[in-house]
Amino acid sequence: MTDYLKIYEKYKDVQEVKDYIDDVILLRHYHATQQYSQMQEHIRNLMNKYLVETLVWNTVNTAQPTTFEQSYVNAENFLQMQGAKIIVEKVKDYAQRLTADDILFVEYLVNHVK
């Protein structure tokens, strides 16, 4: 499967999406370079940035991560859904830039965020 970030990069001309992409790239950098304290701090900042969405996410996903790897995977999954939500809310004609499969992917994620 294609990395979901490739889909969202089609909208990097939209500031909110660009900021979101930067957040994902930074999370991945901290994880890949094993800078776990910085990764955890970044995750805390994301939780504050997306406060309402984080509260909903944690209500639905009740098993809290206990390791750095679990924290990373949880944050990636959250950001994957959050990116779809940002695109649908900020880009009125978002479907025009996507393939049929990408549209299904984004809409599936958005419907599971609600």
C-alpha atoms as a PDB file:
ATOM      1  CA  MET A   1       0.000   0.000   0.000  1.00  0.00           C
ATOM      2  CA  THR A   2       1.115   3.508  -0.749  1.00  0.00           C
ATOM      3  CA  ASP A   3       2.222   5.654   2.159  1.00  0.00           C
ATOM      4  CA  TYR A   4      -0.781   7.807   3.050  1.00  0.00           C
ATOM      5  CA  LEU A   5       1.436  10.882   3.123  1.00  0.00           C
ATOM      6  CA  LYS A   6       1.803  10.614  -0.673  1.00  0.00           C
ATOM      7  CA  ILE A   7      -1.923  11.265  -0.988  1.00  0.00           C
ATOM      8  CA  TYR A   8      -1.840  14.243   1.347  1.00  0.00           C
ATOM      9  CA  GLU A   9       1.199  15.777  -0.379  1.00  0.00           C
ATOM     10  CA  LYS A  10      -1.073  16.541  -3.331  1.00  0.00           C
ATOM     11  CA  TYR A  11      -2.485  19.325  -1.126  1.00  0.00           C
ATOM     12  CA  LYS A  12       0.722  20.802   0.257  1.00  0.00           C
ATOM     13  CA  ASP A  13      -0.240  24.117  -1.341  1.00  0.00           C
ATOM     14  CA  VAL A  14      -2.855  24.426   1.439  1.00  0.00           C
ATOM     15  CA  GLN A  15      -1.141  25.788   4.571  1.00  0.00           C
ATOM     16  CA  GLU A  16      -2.984  23.561   7.053  1.00  0.00           C
ATOM     17  CA  VAL A  17      -2.057  20.479   5.034  1.00  0.00           C
ATOM     18  CA  LYS A  18       1.566  21.627   4.715  1.00  0.00           C
ATOM     19  CA  ASP A  19       1.752  22.090   8.495  1.00  0.00           C
ATOM     20  CA  TYR A  20       0.213  18.660   8.968  1.00  0.00           C
ATOM     21  CA  ILE A  21       2.752  17.059   6.597  1.00  0.00           C
ATOM     22  CA  ASP A  22       5.567  18.734   8.543  1.00  0.00           C
ATOM     23  CA  ASP A  23       4.158  17.236  11.761  1.00  0.00           C
ATOM     24  CA  VAL A  24       4.121  13.732  10.262  1.00  0.00           C
ATOM     25  CA  ILE A  25       7.644  14.067   8.870  1.00  0.00           C
ATOM     26  CA  LEU A  26       8.953  15.278  12.230  1.00  0.00           C
ATOM     27  CA  LEU A  27       7.278  12.388  14.055  1.00  0.00           C
ATOM     28  CA  ARG A  28       8.830   9.928  11.610  1.00  0.00           C
ATOM     29  CA  HIS A  29      12.242  11.564  11.955  1.00  0.00           C
ATOM     30  CA  TYR A  30      12.218  11.311  15.744  1.00  0.00           C
ATOM     31  CA  HIS A  31      11.129   7.680  15.544  1.00  0.00           C
ATOM     32  CA  ALA A  32      13.650   6.701  12.861  1.00  0.00           C
ATOM     33  CA  THR A  33      16.524   8.363  14.724  1.00  0.00           C
ATOM     34  CA  GLN A  34      15.360   6.928  18.072  1.00  0.00           C
ATOM     35  CA  GLN A  35      14.970  10.371  19.636  1.00  0.00           C
ATOM     36  CA  TYR A  36      12.190   9.083  21.834  1.00  0.00           C
ATOM     37  CA  SER A  37      11.971  11.934  24.318  1.00  0.00           C
ATOM     38  CA  GLN A  38      11.629  14.428  21.445  1.00  0.00           C
ATOM     39  CA  MET A  39       9.082  12.113  19.816  1.00  0.00           C
ATOM     40  CA  GLN A  40       7.011  11.997  23.000  1.00  0.00           C
ATOM     41  CA  GLU A  41       7.205  15.796  23.305  1.00  0.00           C
ATOM     42  CA  HIS A  42       6.088  16.130  19.684  1.00  0.00           C
ATOM     43  CA  ILE A  43       3.175  13.770  20.355  1.00  0.00           C
ATOM     44  CA  ARG A  44       2.167  15.890  23.374  1.00  0.00           C
ATOM     45  CA  ASN A  45       2.282  18.998  21.176  1.00  0.00           C
ATOM     46  CA  LEU A  46       0.100  17.261  18.593  1.00  0.00           C
ATOM     47  CA  MET A  47      -2.361  16.276  21.310  1.00  0.00           C
ATOM     48  CA  ASN A  48      -2.647  19.936  22.299  1.00  0.00           C
ATOM     49  CA  LYS A  49      -2.883  21.075  18.679  1.00  0.00           C
ATOM     50  CA  TYR A  50      -5.709  18.616  17.953  1.00  0.00           C
ATOM     51  CA  LEU A  51      -7.249  18.618  21.418  1.00  0.00           C
ATOM     52  CA  VAL A  52     -10.848  17.734  20.532  1.00  0.00           C
ATOM     53  CA  GLU A  53      -9.797  15.111  18.001  1.00  0.00           C
ATOM     54  CA  THR A  54      -7.391  13.598  20.543  1.00  0.00           C
ATOM     55  CA  LEU A  55     -10.163  13.319  23.128  1.00  0.00           C
ATOM     56  CA  VAL A  56     -12.382  11.515  20.616  1.00  0.00           C
ATOM     57  CA  TRP A  57      -9.489   9.285  19.519  1.00  0.00           C
ATOM     58  CA  ASN A  58      -8.679   8.297  23.101  1.00  0.00           C
ATOM     59  CA  THR A  59     -12.341   7.581  23.842  1.00  0.00           C
ATOM     60  CA  VAL A  60     -12.554   5.182  20.907  1.00  0.00           C
ATOM     61  CA  ASN A  61      -9.056   3.710  21.340  1.00  0.00           C
ATOM     62  CA  THR A  62      -9.035   2.868  25.021  1.00  0.00           C
ATOM     63  CA  ALA A  63      -5.822   0.791  25.040  1.00  0.00           C
ATOM     64  CA  GLN A  64      -3.168   3.392  25.760  1.00  0.00           C
ATOM     65  CA  PRO A  65       0.348   2.844  24.392  1.00  0.00           C
ATOM     66  CA  THR A  66       2.930   1.689  26.923  1.00  0.00           C
ATOM     67  CA  THR A  67       6.069   1.591  24.754  1.00  0.00           C
ATOM     68  CA  PHE A  68       7.729   4.076  22.415  1.00  0.00           C
ATOM     69  CA  GLU A  69       6.876   1.867  19.446  1.00  0.00           C
ATOM     70  CA  GLN A  70       3.204   1.734  20.451  1.00  0.00           C
ATOM     71  CA  SER A  71       3.176   5.518  20.943  1.00  0.00           C
ATOM     72  CA  TYR A  72       4.609   5.990  17.478  1.00  0.00           C
ATOM     73  CA  VAL A  73       2.122   3.617  15.811  1.00  0.00           C
ATOM     74  CA  ASN A  74      -0.772   5.212  17.691  1.00  0.00           C
ATOM     75  CA  ALA A  75       0.342   8.698  16.638  1.00  0.00           C
ATOM     76  CA  GLU A  76       0.780   7.599  12.999  1.00  0.00           C
ATOM     77  CA  ASN A  77      -2.720   6.097  12.964  1.00  0.00           C
ATOM     78  CA  PHE A  78      -4.179   9.228  14.526  1.00  0.00           C
ATOM     79  CA  LEU A  79      -2.376  11.489  12.065  1.00  0.00           C
ATOM     80  CA  GLN A  80      -3.479   9.382   9.119  1.00  0.00           C
ATOM     81  CA  MET A  81      -7.116  10.033  10.038  1.00  0.00           C
ATOM     82  CA  GLN A  82      -6.488  13.638  10.996  1.00  0.00           C
ATOM     83  CA  GLY A  83      -4.935  14.333   7.593  1.00  0.00           C
ATOM     84  CA  ALA A  84      -8.007  13.048   5.788  1.00  0.00           C
ATOM     85  CA  LYS A  85     -10.206  15.242   7.965  1.00  0.00           C
ATOM     86  CA  ILE A  86      -8.072  18.320   7.261  1.00  0.00           C
ATOM     87  CA  ILE A  87      -8.211  17.724   3.508  1.00  0.00           C
ATOM     88  CA  VAL A  88     -11.978  17.248   3.409  1.00  0.00           C
ATOM     89  CA  GLU A  89     -12.563  20.337   5.575  1.00  0.00           C
ATOM     90  CA  LYS A  90     -10.023  22.676   3.946  1.00  0.00           C
ATOM     91  CA  VAL A  91     -10.127  21.677   0.265  1.00  0.00           C
ATOM     92  CA  LYS A  92     -13.602  21.971  -1.240  1.00  0.00           C
ATOM     93  CA  ASP A  93     -12.655  20.179  -4.478  1.00  0.00           C
ATOM     94  CA  TYR A  94     -10.331  17.628  -2.866  1.00  0.00           C
ATOM     95  CA  ALA A  95     -11.611  14.728  -4.985  1.00  0.00           C
ATOM     96  CA  GLN A  96     -10.426  16.346  -8.207  1.00  0.00           C
ATOM     97  CA  ARG A  97      -6.772  15.734  -7.260  1.00  0.00           C
ATOM     98  CA  LEU A  98      -7.216  12.077  -6.305  1.00  0.00           C
ATOM     99  CA  THR A  99      -7.584   8.741  -7.999  1.00  0.00           C
ATOM    100  CA  ALA A 100     -10.766   6.766  -7.359  1.00  0.00           C
ATOM    101  CA  ASP A 101      -8.893   4.530  -4.885  1.00  0.00           C
ATOM    102  CA  ASP A 102      -7.476   7.551  -3.054  1.00  0.00           C
ATOM    103  CA  ILE A 103     -10.957   9.069  -2.765  1.00  0.00           C
ATOM    104  CA  LEU A 104     -12.264   5.853  -1.206  1.00  0.00           C
ATOM    105  CA  PHE A 105      -9.318   5.804   1.206  1.00  0.00           C
ATOM    106  CA  VAL A 106      -9.783   9.416   2.348  1.00  0.00           C
ATOM    107  CA  GLU A 107     -13.549   9.109   2.680  1.00  0.00           C
ATOM    108  CA  TYR A 108     -13.219   5.842   4.610  1.00  0.00           C
ATOM    109  CA  LEU A 109     -10.914   7.563   7.091  1.00  0.00           C
ATOM    110  CA  VAL A 110     -13.142  10.621   7.440  1.00  0.00           C
ATOM    111  CA  ASN A 111     -16.187   8.469   8.102  1.00  0.00           C
ATOM    112  CA  HIS A 112     -14.325   6.670  10.877  1.00  0.00           C
ATOM    113  CA  VAL A 113     -13.208   9.919  12.538  1.00  0.00           C
ATOM    114  CA  LYS A 114     -16.764  11.066  13.186  1.00  0.00           C
END
